[in-house]
């Protein structure tokens, strides 16, 4: 059954209600907004992915006076996914106590529960460039790299690495290279691994993003989640140090959990 007019009204009210509850400090009413196991991805802001209502509440309290004094949500667009869920895109303007403002995009998945619609996943992305452009900093390059891995797209990988890129694996077992030089060498090696190891990446969970003294370099704590043809579902923890130049990866140091990788590949 397609979304009814009342469904769209209720979903829009849900998206708007978030700002009212947070700005008035009614964090005890977060369960009216989110599913108990909600995934709240604020990795683009350096805060990782918060799992569950309690984690969101703790993070808000920990920010204290750094929270915006006003969340203003606009441009709500609702697209049906299936009978029980929908995708909602909206814009957010945050006003701080100092009078400064920032703009973000919200990408939500909402689900229909017995007591109404709730947000089951929210991804918050900061807007940093005008006219639909992308600042193409290291965080944006990381997302394109992840997307290429999920899609198993060799062309996508070639578009994300610089021609003279270096990809390093500081932790490697015998027989695995610790350094790959040049885009073609890197992409060929990655593509061969997709076929040889039977791993299909489905999602990346951002645990934390750390900025460095070099604005082109970030340190990312993350987990790659997916399915192995040999061992089933897997979670691979790793830390990535990524340096981007002109919208492409110039250097990537990939600290893989080798024991988890060995378990996933059987």
C-alpha atoms as a PDB file:
ATOM      1  CA  UNK A   1       0.000   0.000   0.000  1.00  0.00           C
ATOM      2  CA  UNK A   2       1.537   3.366  -1.006  1.00  0.00           C
ATOM      3  CA  UNK A   3       2.119   6.087   1.546  1.00  0.00           C
ATOM      4  CA  UNK A   4      -1.113   7.869   2.386  1.00  0.00           C
ATOM      5  CA  UNK A   5      -1.493  11.607   2.804  1.00  0.00           C
ATOM      6  CA  UNK A   6      -1.704  11.014   6.566  1.00  0.00           C
ATOM      7  CA  UNK A   7       1.536   8.987   6.472  1.00  0.00           C
ATOM      8  CA  UNK A   8       3.315  11.902   4.813  1.00  0.00           C
ATOM      9  CA  UNK A   9       1.933  14.346   7.372  1.00  0.00           C
ATOM     10  CA  UNK A  10       3.005  12.094  10.252  1.00  0.00           C
ATOM     11  CA  UNK A  11       6.499  11.571   8.806  1.00  0.00           C
ATOM     12  CA  UNK A  12       6.973  15.304   8.241  1.00  0.00           C
ATOM     13  CA  UNK A  13       5.876  16.017  11.815  1.00  0.00           C
ATOM     14  CA  UNK A  14       8.376  13.400  13.041  1.00  0.00           C
ATOM     15  CA  UNK A  15      11.268  15.104  11.229  1.00  0.00           C
ATOM     16  CA  UNK A  16      10.264  18.523  12.560  1.00  0.00           C
ATOM     17  CA  UNK A  17       9.719  17.258  16.098  1.00  0.00           C
ATOM     18  CA  UNK A  18      13.403  16.381  16.485  1.00  0.00           C
ATOM     19  CA  UNK A  19      14.421  20.049  16.666  1.00  0.00           C
ATOM     20  CA  UNK A  20      11.688  20.903  19.161  1.00  0.00           C
ATOM     21  CA  UNK A  21      12.643  18.114  21.581  1.00  0.00           C
ATOM     22  CA  UNK A  22      16.417  18.704  21.369  1.00  0.00           C
ATOM     23  CA  UNK A  23      16.295  22.495  21.598  1.00  0.00           C
ATOM     24  CA  UNK A  24      14.042  22.403  24.679  1.00  0.00           C
ATOM     25  CA  UNK A  25      16.185  19.740  26.357  1.00  0.00           C
ATOM     26  CA  UNK A  26      13.497  17.056  26.193  1.00  0.00           C
ATOM     27  CA  UNK A  27      16.005  14.286  25.554  1.00  0.00           C
ATOM     28  CA  UNK A  28      13.831  11.967  27.627  1.00  0.00           C
ATOM     29  CA  UNK A  29      11.403  11.988  24.691  1.00  0.00           C
ATOM     30  CA  UNK A  30      13.944  10.718  22.150  1.00  0.00           C
ATOM     31  CA  UNK A  31      12.052   7.405  21.992  1.00  0.00           C
ATOM     32  CA  UNK A  32       9.242   9.336  20.283  1.00  0.00           C
ATOM     33  CA  UNK A  33      11.659  10.039  17.419  1.00  0.00           C
ATOM     34  CA  UNK A  34      13.882   6.974  17.018  1.00  0.00           C
ATOM     35  CA  UNK A  35      13.700   3.203  17.053  1.00  0.00           C
ATOM     36  CA  UNK A  36      15.499   1.662  20.068  1.00  0.00           C
ATOM     37  CA  UNK A  37      18.321   0.393  17.816  1.00  0.00           C
ATOM     38  CA  UNK A  38      18.635   3.518  15.676  1.00  0.00           C
ATOM     39  CA  UNK A  39      21.957   4.110  13.877  1.00  0.00           C
ATOM     40  CA  UNK A  40      22.814   7.829  13.989  1.00  0.00           C
ATOM     41  CA  UNK A  41      25.768   8.443  11.675  1.00  0.00           C
ATOM     42  CA  UNK A  42      27.577  11.685  12.493  1.00  0.00           C
ATOM     43  CA  UNK A  43      30.924  10.480  11.197  1.00  0.00           C
ATOM     44  CA  UNK A  44      31.140  13.491   8.876  1.00  0.00           C
ATOM     45  CA  UNK A  45      31.224  15.649  12.006  1.00  0.00           C
ATOM     46  CA  UNK A  46      33.924  13.475  13.581  1.00  0.00           C
ATOM     47  CA  UNK A  47      31.622  11.714  16.060  1.00  0.00           C
ATOM     48  CA  UNK A  48      31.263   8.275  14.477  1.00  0.00           C
ATOM     49  CA  UNK A  49      27.995   6.326  14.431  1.00  0.00           C
ATOM     50  CA  UNK A  50      25.860   6.356  17.570  1.00  0.00           C
ATOM     51  CA  UNK A  51      23.950   3.128  18.175  1.00  0.00           C
ATOM     52  CA  UNK A  52      20.674   3.355  20.067  1.00  0.00           C
ATOM     53  CA  UNK A  53      18.634   6.086  21.728  1.00  0.00           C
ATOM     54  CA  UNK A  54      20.745   6.092  24.900  1.00  0.00           C
ATOM     55  CA  UNK A  55      23.949   6.685  22.940  1.00  0.00           C
ATOM     56  CA  UNK A  56      22.385   9.695  21.198  1.00  0.00           C
ATOM     57  CA  UNK A  57      21.224  11.110  24.526  1.00  0.00           C
ATOM     58  CA  UNK A  58      24.661  10.646  26.133  1.00  0.00           C
ATOM     59  CA  UNK A  59      26.391  12.329  23.191  1.00  0.00           C
ATOM     60  CA  UNK A  60      24.036  15.315  23.340  1.00  0.00           C
ATOM     61  CA  UNK A  61      24.602  15.735  27.066  1.00  0.00           C
ATOM     62  CA  UNK A  62      28.369  15.412  26.630  1.00  0.00           C
ATOM     63  CA  UNK A  63      28.387  18.281  24.098  1.00  0.00           C
ATOM     64  CA  UNK A  64      26.770  20.572  26.654  1.00  0.00           C
ATOM     65  CA  UNK A  65      27.004  24.238  25.619  1.00  0.00           C
ATOM     66  CA  UNK A  66      28.391  23.252  22.224  1.00  0.00           C
ATOM     67  CA  UNK A  67      24.932  22.068  21.178  1.00  0.00           C
ATOM     68  CA  UNK A  68      23.096  24.423  18.801  1.00  0.00           C
ATOM     69  CA  UNK A  69      20.492  26.601  20.471  1.00  0.00           C
ATOM     70  CA  UNK A  70      18.252  26.074  17.461  1.00  0.00           C
ATOM     71  CA  UNK A  71      17.736  23.253  14.948  1.00  0.00           C
ATOM     72  CA  UNK A  72      15.729  24.443  11.928  1.00  0.00           C
ATOM     73  CA  UNK A  73      14.658  21.712   9.485  1.00  0.00           C
ATOM     74  CA  UNK A  74      13.481  22.488   5.943  1.00  0.00           C
ATOM     75  CA  UNK A  75      13.103  20.990   2.445  1.00  0.00           C
ATOM     76  CA  UNK A  76      11.571  17.686   3.574  1.00  0.00           C
ATOM     77  CA  UNK A  77      11.308  15.175   0.704  1.00  0.00           C
ATOM     78  CA  UNK A  78       9.719  11.761   1.327  1.00  0.00           C
ATOM     79  CA  UNK A  79      10.235   8.720  -0.922  1.00  0.00           C
ATOM     80  CA  UNK A  80       8.550   5.386  -0.313  1.00  0.00           C
ATOM     81  CA  UNK A  81      10.828   2.360   0.077  1.00  0.00           C
ATOM     82  CA  UNK A  82       8.199  -0.287   0.833  1.00  0.00           C
ATOM     83  CA  UNK A  83       4.986  -0.713   2.831  1.00  0.00           C
ATOM     84  CA  UNK A  84       6.761  -0.340   6.143  1.00  0.00           C
ATOM     85  CA  UNK A  85       9.518   2.179   5.506  1.00  0.00           C
ATOM     86  CA  UNK A  86      10.415   5.364   3.650  1.00  0.00           C
ATOM     87  CA  UNK A  87      13.432   7.543   2.919  1.00  0.00           C
ATOM     88  CA  UNK A  88      13.357  11.165   4.040  1.00  0.00           C
ATOM     89  CA  UNK A  89      15.813  13.820   2.938  1.00  0.00           C
ATOM     90  CA  UNK A  90      15.861  17.238   4.573  1.00  0.00           C
ATOM     91  CA  UNK A  91      18.058  20.246   5.254  1.00  0.00           C
ATOM     92  CA  UNK A  92      19.134  21.381   8.703  1.00  0.00           C
ATOM     93  CA  UNK A  93      20.343  24.796   9.875  1.00  0.00           C
ATOM     94  CA  UNK A  94      22.016  24.895  13.284  1.00  0.00           C
ATOM     95  CA  UNK A  95      22.354  28.182  15.181  1.00  0.00           C
ATOM     96  CA  UNK A  96      24.921  28.328  17.970  1.00  0.00           C
ATOM     97  CA  UNK A  97      24.831  30.429  21.123  1.00  0.00           C
ATOM     98  CA  UNK A  98      27.552  32.621  19.568  1.00  0.00           C
ATOM     99  CA  UNK A  99      25.276  33.419  16.633  1.00  0.00           C
ATOM    100  CA  UNK A 100      27.137  31.400  14.006  1.00  0.00           C
ATOM    101  CA  UNK A 101      25.305  28.980  11.711  1.00  0.00           C
ATOM    102  CA  UNK A 102      26.013  25.768   9.841  1.00  0.00           C
ATOM    103  CA  UNK A 103      24.126  23.734   7.261  1.00  0.00           C
ATOM    104  CA  UNK A 104      23.736  19.960   7.129  1.00  0.00           C
ATOM    105  CA  UNK A 105      21.794  17.435   5.098  1.00  0.00           C
ATOM    106  CA  UNK A 106      19.795  14.717   6.849  1.00  0.00           C
ATOM    107  CA  UNK A 107      19.275  11.386   5.088  1.00  0.00           C
ATOM    108  CA  UNK A 108      16.828   9.297   7.113  1.00  0.00           C
ATOM    109  CA  UNK A 109      15.178   5.914   6.910  1.00  0.00           C
ATOM    110  CA  UNK A 110      11.886   5.884   8.799  1.00  0.00           C
ATOM    111  CA  UNK A 111       9.873   2.790   9.687  1.00  0.00           C
ATOM    112  CA  UNK A 112       6.267   2.272  10.666  1.00  0.00           C
ATOM    113  CA  UNK A 113       5.856   0.843  14.186  1.00  0.00           C
ATOM    114  CA  UNK A 114       2.692   0.014  16.095  1.00  0.00           C
ATOM    115  CA  UNK A 115       2.719   3.438  17.783  1.00  0.00           C
ATOM    116  CA  UNK A 116       3.739   5.489  14.743  1.00  0.00           C
ATOM    117  CA  UNK A 117       6.670   6.365  12.501  1.00  0.00           C
ATOM    118  CA  UNK A 118      10.212   6.372  13.874  1.00  0.00           C
ATOM    119  CA  UNK A 119      13.688   7.133  12.474  1.00  0.00           C
ATOM    120  CA  UNK A 120      15.716   3.908  12.232  1.00  0.00           C
ATOM    121  CA  UNK A 121      18.772   5.400  10.532  1.00  0.00           C
ATOM    122  CA  UNK A 122      20.014   8.968  10.153  1.00  0.00           C
ATOM    123  CA  UNK A 123      23.111  10.144   8.296  1.00  0.00           C
ATOM    124  CA  UNK A 124      24.191  13.734   8.885  1.00  0.00           C
ATOM    125  CA  UNK A 125      26.434  15.353   6.274  1.00  0.00           C
ATOM    126  CA  UNK A 126      27.798  18.874   6.597  1.00  0.00           C
ATOM    127  CA  UNK A 127      27.499  21.188   3.619  1.00  0.00           C
ATOM    128  CA  UNK A 128      30.840  22.882   2.980  1.00  0.00           C
ATOM    129  CA  UNK A 129      30.725  24.039  -0.648  1.00  0.00           C
ATOM    130  CA  UNK A 130      28.209  26.231  -2.542  1.00  0.00           C
ATOM    131  CA  UNK A 131      26.089  25.505  -5.621  1.00  0.00           C
ATOM    132  CA  UNK A 132      25.975  21.775  -5.044  1.00  0.00           C
ATOM    133  CA  UNK A 133      29.736  21.502  -5.230  1.00  0.00           C
ATOM    134  CA  UNK A 134      31.857  19.297  -3.066  1.00  0.00           C
ATOM    135  CA  UNK A 135      34.813  20.496  -1.066  1.00  0.00           C
ATOM    136  CA  UNK A 136      36.337  17.096  -1.891  1.00  0.00           C
ATOM    137  CA  UNK A 137      38.361  16.975   1.259  1.00  0.00           C
ATOM    138  CA  UNK A 138      39.625  13.704   2.718  1.00  0.00           C
ATOM    139  CA  UNK A 139      36.242  12.898   4.306  1.00  0.00           C
ATOM    140  CA  UNK A 140      34.446  13.126   0.952  1.00  0.00           C
ATOM    141  CA  UNK A 141      37.172  11.097  -0.752  1.00  0.00           C
ATOM    142  CA  UNK A 142      36.828   8.437   1.955  1.00  0.00           C
ATOM    143  CA  UNK A 143      33.107   8.097   1.169  1.00  0.00           C
ATOM    144  CA  UNK A 144      33.818   7.643  -2.551  1.00  0.00           C
ATOM    145  CA  UNK A 145      36.437   5.005  -1.714  1.00  0.00           C
ATOM    146  CA  UNK A 146      33.937   3.165   0.486  1.00  0.00           C
ATOM    147  CA  UNK A 147      31.250   3.314  -2.203  1.00  0.00           C
ATOM    148  CA  UNK A 148      33.609   1.848  -4.796  1.00  0.00           C
ATOM    149  CA  UNK A 149      34.462  -1.009  -2.412  1.00  0.00           C
ATOM    150  CA  UNK A 150      30.790  -1.745  -1.709  1.00  0.00           C
ATOM    151  CA  UNK A 151      29.957  -1.649  -5.441  1.00  0.00           C
ATOM    152  CA  UNK A 152      33.070  -3.644  -6.366  1.00  0.00           C
ATOM    153  CA  UNK A 153      33.732  -0.965  -8.953  1.00  0.00           C
ATOM    154  CA  UNK A 154      37.225  -0.952 -10.419  1.00  0.00           C
ATOM    155  CA  UNK A 155      36.341   2.200 -12.372  1.00  0.00           C
ATOM    156  CA  UNK A 156      35.217   3.847  -9.143  1.00  0.00           C
ATOM    157  CA  UNK A 157      38.516   2.924  -7.518  1.00  0.00           C
ATOM    158  CA  UNK A 158      40.475   4.374 -10.435  1.00  0.00           C
ATOM    159  CA  UNK A 159      38.568   7.642 -10.071  1.00  0.00           C
ATOM    160  CA  UNK A 160      39.372   7.878  -6.368  1.00  0.00           C
ATOM    161  CA  UNK A 161      43.131   7.146  -6.425  1.00  0.00           C
ATOM    162  CA  UNK A 162      45.721   9.576  -7.791  1.00  0.00           C
ATOM    163  CA  UNK A 163      47.923   8.209 -10.581  1.00  0.00           C
ATOM    164  CA  UNK A 164      50.960   8.117  -8.272  1.00  0.00           C
ATOM    165  CA  UNK A 165      49.053   7.047  -5.150  1.00  0.00           C
ATOM    166  CA  UNK A 166      50.610   4.854  -2.461  1.00  0.00           C
ATOM    167  CA  UNK A 167      48.561   2.299  -0.498  1.00  0.00           C
ATOM    168  CA  UNK A 168      50.302   0.755   2.506  1.00  0.00           C
ATOM    169  CA  UNK A 169      49.447  -2.122   4.850  1.00  0.00           C
ATOM    170  CA  UNK A 170      51.603  -1.730   7.993  1.00  0.00           C
ATOM    171  CA  UNK A 171      50.236  -5.007   9.417  1.00  0.00           C
ATOM    172  CA  UNK A 172      50.476  -7.849   6.903  1.00  0.00           C
ATOM    173  CA  UNK A 173      50.895 -11.631   7.101  1.00  0.00           C
ATOM    174  CA  UNK A 174      53.557 -13.375   5.016  1.00  0.00           C
ATOM    175  CA  UNK A 175      52.850 -13.301   1.297  1.00  0.00           C
ATOM    176  CA  UNK A 176      50.793 -10.100   1.382  1.00  0.00           C
ATOM    177  CA  UNK A 177      52.410  -6.898   0.054  1.00  0.00           C
ATOM    178  CA  UNK A 178      52.932  -4.112   2.563  1.00  0.00           C
ATOM    179  CA  UNK A 179      53.130  -1.326  -0.035  1.00  0.00           C
ATOM    180  CA  UNK A 180      51.460  -0.788  -3.412  1.00  0.00           C
ATOM    181  CA  UNK A 181      52.577   2.068  -5.651  1.00  0.00           C
ATOM    182  CA  UNK A 182      50.608   3.584  -8.528  1.00  0.00           C
ATOM    183  CA  UNK A 183      46.877   3.644  -9.233  1.00  0.00           C
ATOM    184  CA  UNK A 184      46.840   0.719 -11.672  1.00  0.00           C
ATOM    185  CA  UNK A 185      48.807  -1.547  -9.324  1.00  0.00           C
ATOM    186  CA  UNK A 186      46.546  -0.671  -6.393  1.00  0.00           C
ATOM    187  CA  UNK A 187      43.272  -1.144  -8.287  1.00  0.00           C
ATOM    188  CA  UNK A 188      44.383  -4.402  -9.907  1.00  0.00           C
ATOM    189  CA  UNK A 189      45.337  -5.799  -6.497  1.00  0.00           C
ATOM    190  CA  UNK A 190      42.050  -4.726  -4.889  1.00  0.00           C
ATOM    191  CA  UNK A 191      39.981  -6.115  -7.790  1.00  0.00           C
ATOM    192  CA  UNK A 192      41.772  -9.462  -7.634  1.00  0.00           C
ATOM    193  CA  UNK A 193      41.043  -9.625  -3.910  1.00  0.00           C
ATOM    194  CA  UNK A 194      37.310  -9.207  -4.464  1.00  0.00           C
ATOM    195  CA  UNK A 195      37.273 -12.344  -6.578  1.00  0.00           C
ATOM    196  CA  UNK A 196      39.822 -14.399  -4.633  1.00  0.00           C
ATOM    197  CA  UNK A 197      38.526 -13.932  -1.088  1.00  0.00           C
ATOM    198  CA  UNK A 198      34.759 -13.965  -1.608  1.00  0.00           C
ATOM    199  CA  UNK A 199      34.184 -10.917   0.595  1.00  0.00           C
ATOM    200  CA  UNK A 200      31.344  -8.563  -0.237  1.00  0.00           C
ATOM    201  CA  UNK A 201      31.279  -5.295   1.693  1.00  0.00           C
ATOM    202  CA  UNK A 202      27.810  -4.010   2.484  1.00  0.00           C
ATOM    203  CA  UNK A 203      28.312  -1.128   4.899  1.00  0.00           C
ATOM    204  CA  UNK A 204      30.993   0.840   6.738  1.00  0.00           C
ATOM    205  CA  UNK A 205      30.471   1.871  10.337  1.00  0.00           C
ATOM    206  CA  UNK A 206      32.374   5.014  11.326  1.00  0.00           C
ATOM    207  CA  UNK A 207      33.579   4.878  14.920  1.00  0.00           C
ATOM    208  CA  UNK A 208      35.565   8.125  14.898  1.00  0.00           C
ATOM    209  CA  UNK A 209      37.210  10.574  12.525  1.00  0.00           C
ATOM    210  CA  UNK A 210      40.269  12.448  13.798  1.00  0.00           C
ATOM    211  CA  UNK A 211      41.605  15.554  12.105  1.00  0.00           C
ATOM    212  CA  UNK A 212      45.345  16.166  12.004  1.00  0.00           C
ATOM    213  CA  UNK A 213      47.685  19.144  11.641  1.00  0.00           C
ATOM    214  CA  UNK A 214      47.530  18.509   7.889  1.00  0.00           C
ATOM    215  CA  UNK A 215      44.015  19.500   6.662  1.00  0.00           C
ATOM    216  CA  UNK A 216      44.352  16.980   3.825  1.00  0.00           C
ATOM    217  CA  UNK A 217      44.889  14.040   6.222  1.00  0.00           C
ATOM    218  CA  UNK A 218      42.370  12.295   8.502  1.00  0.00           C
ATOM    219  CA  UNK A 219      42.584   9.250  10.763  1.00  0.00           C
ATOM    220  CA  UNK A 220      39.476   7.063  10.641  1.00  0.00           C
ATOM    221  CA  UNK A 221      38.447   4.319  13.057  1.00  0.00           C
ATOM    222  CA  UNK A 222      35.940   2.140  11.232  1.00  0.00           C
ATOM    223  CA  UNK A 223      34.429  -1.282  10.728  1.00  0.00           C
ATOM    224  CA  UNK A 224      33.626  -2.886   7.388  1.00  0.00           C
ATOM    225  CA  UNK A 225      30.533  -5.089   7.542  1.00  0.00           C
ATOM    226  CA  UNK A 226      29.593  -7.634   4.931  1.00  0.00           C
ATOM    227  CA  UNK A 227      29.252 -11.264   3.929  1.00  0.00           C
ATOM    228  CA  UNK A 228      31.851 -13.895   3.100  1.00  0.00           C
ATOM    229  CA  UNK A 229      31.000 -16.771   0.769  1.00  0.00           C
ATOM    230  CA  UNK A 230      33.005 -19.033   3.092  1.00  0.00           C
ATOM    231  CA  UNK A 231      32.198 -17.852   6.613  1.00  0.00           C
ATOM    232  CA  UNK A 232      28.998 -15.776   6.417  1.00  0.00           C
ATOM    233  CA  UNK A 233      28.568 -12.348   8.010  1.00  0.00           C
ATOM    234  CA  UNK A 234      31.738 -10.565   9.089  1.00  0.00           C
ATOM    235  CA  UNK A 235      32.920  -7.376  10.753  1.00  0.00           C
ATOM    236  CA  UNK A 236      36.433  -6.149   9.946  1.00  0.00           C
ATOM    237  CA  UNK A 237      37.845  -3.440  12.242  1.00  0.00           C
ATOM    238  CA  UNK A 238      40.570  -1.220  10.869  1.00  0.00           C
ATOM    239  CA  UNK A 239      42.155   2.210  11.135  1.00  0.00           C
ATOM    240  CA  UNK A 240      42.796   4.238   7.990  1.00  0.00           C
ATOM    241  CA  UNK A 241      45.150   7.209   7.644  1.00  0.00           C
ATOM    242  CA  UNK A 242      44.065   8.925   4.424  1.00  0.00           C
ATOM    243  CA  UNK A 243      45.694  11.845   2.651  1.00  0.00           C
ATOM    244  CA  UNK A 244      43.778  13.412  -0.250  1.00  0.00           C
ATOM    245  CA  UNK A 245      45.077  15.841  -2.851  1.00  0.00           C
ATOM    246  CA  UNK A 246      42.823  17.457  -5.461  1.00  0.00           C
ATOM    247  CA  UNK A 247      39.951  15.119  -4.637  1.00  0.00           C
ATOM    248  CA  UNK A 248      41.937  11.873  -4.925  1.00  0.00           C
ATOM    249  CA  UNK A 249      43.779   9.564  -2.558  1.00  0.00           C
ATOM    250  CA  UNK A 250      47.461  10.417  -2.531  1.00  0.00           C
ATOM    251  CA  UNK A 251      48.390   8.068   0.310  1.00  0.00           C
ATOM    252  CA  UNK A 252      46.429   5.554   2.344  1.00  0.00           C
ATOM    253  CA  UNK A 253      47.805   3.603   5.303  1.00  0.00           C
ATOM    254  CA  UNK A 254      45.430   0.720   6.023  1.00  0.00           C
ATOM    255  CA  UNK A 255      45.847  -0.799   9.498  1.00  0.00           C
ATOM    256  CA  UNK A 256      43.819  -3.980   9.027  1.00  0.00           C
ATOM    257  CA  UNK A 257      42.930  -6.365  11.842  1.00  0.00           C
ATOM    258  CA  UNK A 258      44.685  -9.322  10.240  1.00  0.00           C
ATOM    259  CA  UNK A 259      43.152 -11.913  12.564  1.00  0.00           C
ATOM    260  CA  UNK A 260      39.622 -10.725  11.731  1.00  0.00           C
ATOM    261  CA  UNK A 261      40.486 -10.727   8.024  1.00  0.00           C
ATOM    262  CA  UNK A 262      41.823 -14.280   8.238  1.00  0.00           C
ATOM    263  CA  UNK A 263      38.675 -15.423  10.036  1.00  0.00           C
ATOM    264  CA  UNK A 264      36.437 -13.811   7.404  1.00  0.00           C
ATOM    265  CA  UNK A 265      38.292 -15.412   4.498  1.00  0.00           C
ATOM    266  CA  UNK A 266      38.422 -18.809   6.174  1.00  0.00           C
END
